[in-house]
Amino acid sequence: MNTVEANLNPSIDLVEFKARCLEVLEQLVAPGLIVTKEGRPLARITPVSAVNNEPLIGSMKGQIAIHGDVFSTGSDWDSQS
């Protein structure tokens, strides 16, 4: 399936999708495809856009305080009982 084909016919039958799944996903472009079964729409498959999470790393530094032991439940227990 090429980009032109996907734009002209944004749906694919389930049997064809199962047979060509990896190829279809590798060539998926916006707005995506609708997977159909016997002409009935079953699912919409859309490409995921890349997200840059790098600015979030360290963004809360100095704003969070830890009180107590985060590795303890605060309850005494005996694993043998």
C-alpha atoms as a PDB file:
ATOM      1  CA  MET A   1       0.000   0.000   0.000  1.00  0.00           C
ATOM      2  CA  ASN A   2       1.473   3.348  -0.957  1.00  0.00           C
ATOM      3  CA  THR A   3       0.694   6.842   0.374  1.00  0.00           C
ATOM      4  CA  VAL A   4      -1.538   7.681  -2.589  1.00  0.00           C
ATOM      5  CA  GLU A   5      -3.528   4.466  -2.111  1.00  0.00           C
ATOM      6  CA  ALA A   6      -3.974   5.195   1.617  1.00  0.00           C
ATOM      7  CA  ASN A   7      -5.231   8.722   0.896  1.00  0.00           C
ATOM      8  CA  LEU A   8      -7.714   7.558  -1.750  1.00  0.00           C
ATOM      9  CA  ASN A   9      -9.039   4.596   0.216  1.00  0.00           C
ATOM     10  CA  PRO A  10      -8.547   5.053   3.969  1.00  0.00           C
ATOM     11  CA  SER A  11      -9.961   1.623   4.851  1.00  0.00           C
ATOM     12  CA  ILE A  12      -8.664  -1.925   4.693  1.00  0.00           C
ATOM     13  CA  ASP A  13     -10.458  -5.231   5.127  1.00  0.00           C
ATOM     14  CA  LEU A  14      -9.522  -7.233   8.216  1.00  0.00           C
ATOM     15  CA  VAL A  15      -8.311 -10.242   6.204  1.00  0.00           C
ATOM     16  CA  GLU A  16      -5.982  -8.045   4.132  1.00  0.00           C
ATOM     17  CA  PHE A  17      -4.818  -6.179   7.235  1.00  0.00           C
ATOM     18  CA  LYS A  18      -3.935  -9.467   8.971  1.00  0.00           C
ATOM     19  CA  ALA A  19      -1.967 -10.615   5.924  1.00  0.00           C
ATOM     20  CA  ARG A  20      -0.087  -7.317   5.477  1.00  0.00           C
ATOM     21  CA  CYS A  21      -0.069  -5.925   9.038  1.00  0.00           C
ATOM     22  CA  LEU A  22       3.634  -5.022   9.314  1.00  0.00           C
ATOM     23  CA  GLU A  23       3.746  -3.493   5.836  1.00  0.00           C
ATOM     24  CA  VAL A  24       0.603  -1.446   6.496  1.00  0.00           C
ATOM     25  CA  LEU A  25       1.882  -0.173   9.855  1.00  0.00           C
ATOM     26  CA  GLU A  26       5.287   0.781   8.426  1.00  0.00           C
ATOM     27  CA  GLN A  27       3.633   2.877   5.700  1.00  0.00           C
ATOM     28  CA  LEU A  28       0.850   4.353   7.844  1.00  0.00           C
ATOM     29  CA  VAL A  29       0.266   8.062   7.325  1.00  0.00           C
ATOM     30  CA  ALA A  30      -2.260  10.539   8.730  1.00  0.00           C
ATOM     31  CA  PRO A  31      -5.247  10.338   8.996  1.00  0.00           C
ATOM     32  CA  GLY A  32      -4.701   6.580   9.322  1.00  0.00           C
ATOM     33  CA  LEU A  33      -6.861   3.650   8.258  1.00  0.00           C
ATOM     34  CA  ILE A  34     -10.171   2.128   9.204  1.00  0.00           C
ATOM     35  CA  VAL A  35     -10.108  -1.671   9.505  1.00  0.00           C
ATOM     36  CA  THR A  36     -13.367  -3.206   8.274  1.00  0.00           C
ATOM     37  CA  LYS A  37     -14.949  -6.644   8.431  1.00  0.00           C
ATOM     38  CA  GLU A  38     -17.530  -7.397   5.769  1.00  0.00           C
ATOM     39  CA  GLY A  39     -17.840  -3.652   5.138  1.00  0.00           C
ATOM     40  CA  ARG A  40     -18.439  -2.816   8.825  1.00  0.00           C
ATOM     41  CA  PRO A  41     -15.858  -0.544  10.504  1.00  0.00           C
ATOM     42  CA  LEU A  42     -14.078  -2.293  13.403  1.00  0.00           C
ATOM     43  CA  ALA A  43     -11.159  -0.072  14.346  1.00  0.00           C
ATOM     44  CA  ARG A  44      -9.284   3.072  13.374  1.00  0.00           C
ATOM     45  CA  ILE A  45      -5.505   2.851  13.212  1.00  0.00           C
ATOM     46  CA  THR A  46      -3.686   6.167  13.380  1.00  0.00           C
ATOM     47  CA  PRO A  47       0.033   6.925  13.466  1.00  0.00           C
ATOM     48  CA  VAL A  48       1.504   8.121  16.758  1.00  0.00           C
ATOM     49  CA  SER A  49       3.306  11.432  16.605  1.00  0.00           C
ATOM     50  CA  ALA A  50       6.719  11.658  18.201  1.00  0.00           C
ATOM     51  CA  VAL A  51       6.837  13.394  21.573  1.00  0.00           C
ATOM     52  CA  ASN A  52       9.932  14.980  23.064  1.00  0.00           C
ATOM     53  CA  ASN A  53       9.830  14.352  26.837  1.00  0.00           C
ATOM     54  CA  GLU A  54      13.341  15.661  27.432  1.00  0.00           C
ATOM     55  CA  PRO A  55      12.193  19.020  28.913  1.00  0.00           C
ATOM     56  CA  LEU A  56      10.247  17.122  31.601  1.00  0.00           C
ATOM     57  CA  ILE A  57      13.313  15.400  33.034  1.00  0.00           C
ATOM     58  CA  GLY A  58      14.326  17.250  36.179  1.00  0.00           C
ATOM     59  CA  SER A  59      11.525  19.817  35.807  1.00  0.00           C
ATOM     60  CA  MET A  60      10.212  19.121  39.349  1.00  0.00           C
ATOM     61  CA  LYS A  61      13.632  19.318  41.023  1.00  0.00           C
ATOM     62  CA  GLY A  62      13.384  21.152  44.336  1.00  0.00           C
ATOM     63  CA  GLN A  63       9.567  21.098  44.306  1.00  0.00           C
ATOM     64  CA  ILE A  64       8.959  17.678  45.872  1.00  0.00           C
ATOM     65  CA  ALA A  65       9.728  16.752  49.493  1.00  0.00           C
ATOM     66  CA  ILE A  66       9.884  13.161  50.736  1.00  0.00           C
ATOM     67  CA  HIS A  67       8.739  12.629  54.334  1.00  0.00           C
ATOM     68  CA  GLY A  68       9.473   9.329  56.045  1.00  0.00           C
ATOM     69  CA  ASP A  69      10.688   6.047  54.632  1.00  0.00           C
ATOM     70  CA  VAL A  70       9.254   5.502  51.151  1.00  0.00           C
ATOM     71  CA  PHE A  71      10.394   1.855  51.222  1.00  0.00           C
ATOM     72  CA  SER A  72       8.370   0.926  54.314  1.00  0.00           C
ATOM     73  CA  THR A  73       4.660   0.408  54.934  1.00  0.00           C
ATOM     74  CA  GLY A  74       5.060   1.639  58.504  1.00  0.00           C
ATOM     75  CA  SER A  75       3.725  -1.670  59.862  1.00  0.00           C
ATOM     76  CA  ASP A  76       5.734  -4.334  61.675  1.00  0.00           C
ATOM     77  CA  TRP A  77       5.131  -7.811  60.263  1.00  0.00           C
ATOM     78  CA  ASP A  78       6.639 -11.242  60.441  1.00  0.00           C
ATOM     79  CA  SER A  79       6.971 -13.144  57.190  1.00  0.00           C
ATOM     80  CA  GLN A  80       6.969 -16.472  59.085  1.00  0.00           C
ATOM     81  CA  SER A  81       3.503 -16.062  60.592  1.00  0.00           C
END
